[in-house]
Amino acid sequence: MQLSKEEVYDYMFATYEKSSTIGINYGYQRFEKLLAPFGLSGRVPEVVKRILMN
């Protein structure tokens, strides 16, 4: 059985996500951690953090 490119990419991303966000279950921190290696993360203002966490 051979996987399609999309299935391979899905598997690669799922593996990356599991290994890079250990201990971070939800919220903006999870996305910041995932985006950082690609130079796409940034500072989240305190007011946005409070809104997202509530």
C-alpha atoms as a PDB file:
ATOM      1  CA  MET A   1       0.000   0.000   0.000  1.00  0.00           C
ATOM      2  CA  GLN A   2       1.362   3.396  -0.954  1.00  0.00           C
ATOM      3  CA  LEU A   3       0.308   6.636   0.681  1.00  0.00           C
ATOM      4  CA  SER A   4      -0.673   9.715  -1.282  1.00  0.00           C
ATOM      5  CA  LYS A   5       1.362  12.917  -0.885  1.00  0.00           C
ATOM      6  CA  GLU A   6      -1.433  14.406   1.210  1.00  0.00           C
ATOM      7  CA  GLU A   7      -1.421  11.410   3.554  1.00  0.00           C
ATOM      8  CA  VAL A   8       2.354  11.627   3.905  1.00  0.00           C
ATOM      9  CA  TYR A   9       2.147  15.364   4.705  1.00  0.00           C
ATOM     10  CA  ASP A  10      -0.646  14.748   7.210  1.00  0.00           C
ATOM     11  CA  TYR A  11       1.431  12.073   8.924  1.00  0.00           C
ATOM     12  CA  MET A  12       4.554  14.270   8.957  1.00  0.00           C
ATOM     13  CA  PHE A  13       2.660  17.217  10.440  1.00  0.00           C
ATOM     14  CA  ALA A  14       0.921  15.072  13.064  1.00  0.00           C
ATOM     15  CA  THR A  15       4.287  13.635  14.116  1.00  0.00           C
ATOM     16  CA  TYR A  16       5.878  17.109  14.219  1.00  0.00           C
ATOM     17  CA  GLU A  17       2.951  18.483  16.225  1.00  0.00           C
ATOM     18  CA  LYS A  18       3.096  15.675  18.791  1.00  0.00           C
ATOM     19  CA  SER A  19       6.843  15.985  19.300  1.00  0.00           C
ATOM     20  CA  SER A  20       7.065  19.771  19.408  1.00  0.00           C
ATOM     21  CA  THR A  21       4.093  20.570  21.656  1.00  0.00           C
ATOM     22  CA  ILE A  22       4.610  18.061  24.443  1.00  0.00           C
ATOM     23  CA  GLY A  23       3.022  19.499  27.581  1.00  0.00           C
ATOM     24  CA  ILE A  24       1.073  22.223  25.751  1.00  0.00           C
ATOM     25  CA  ASN A  25      -2.494  21.058  25.280  1.00  0.00           C
ATOM     26  CA  TYR A  26      -4.309  24.145  24.037  1.00  0.00           C
ATOM     27  CA  GLY A  27      -4.278  27.877  23.449  1.00  0.00           C
ATOM     28  CA  TYR A  28      -2.093  30.333  21.629  1.00  0.00           C
ATOM     29  CA  GLN A  29       1.090  28.821  23.109  1.00  0.00           C
ATOM     30  CA  ARG A  30       0.562  25.627  21.139  1.00  0.00           C
ATOM     31  CA  PHE A  31       0.306  27.508  17.851  1.00  0.00           C
ATOM     32  CA  GLU A  32       3.247  29.770  18.648  1.00  0.00           C
ATOM     33  CA  LYS A  33       5.380  26.700  19.346  1.00  0.00           C
ATOM     34  CA  LEU A  34       4.320  25.083  16.049  1.00  0.00           C
ATOM     35  CA  LEU A  35       4.925  28.224  13.974  1.00  0.00           C
ATOM     36  CA  ALA A  36       8.257  29.287  15.510  1.00  0.00           C
ATOM     37  CA  PRO A  37      10.545  27.057  13.389  1.00  0.00           C
ATOM     38  CA  PHE A  38       9.063  28.655  10.263  1.00  0.00           C
ATOM     39  CA  GLY A  39       9.572  32.217  11.494  1.00  0.00           C
ATOM     40  CA  LEU A  40       5.814  32.756  11.738  1.00  0.00           C
ATOM     41  CA  SER A  41       5.369  33.153  15.484  1.00  0.00           C
ATOM     42  CA  GLY A  42       5.275  36.465  17.243  1.00  0.00           C
ATOM     43  CA  ARG A  43       4.580  38.208  20.491  1.00  0.00           C
ATOM     44  CA  VAL A  44       0.984  37.893  21.674  1.00  0.00           C
ATOM     45  CA  PRO A  45      -0.277  41.011  23.494  1.00  0.00           C
ATOM     46  CA  GLU A  46      -1.411  40.440  27.093  1.00  0.00           C
ATOM     47  CA  VAL A  47      -4.990  41.492  26.353  1.00  0.00           C
ATOM     48  CA  VAL A  48      -5.214  38.879  23.576  1.00  0.00           C
ATOM     49  CA  LYS A  49      -3.765  36.214  25.876  1.00  0.00           C
ATOM     50  CA  ARG A  50      -6.417  36.961  28.503  1.00  0.00           C
ATOM     51  CA  ILE A  51      -9.217  36.852  25.922  1.00  0.00           C
ATOM     52  CA  LEU A  52      -8.024  33.574  24.449  1.00  0.00           C
ATOM     53  CA  MET A  53      -7.534  31.913  27.812  1.00  0.00           C
ATOM     54  CA  ASN A  54     -11.052  32.768  29.033  1.00  0.00           C
END
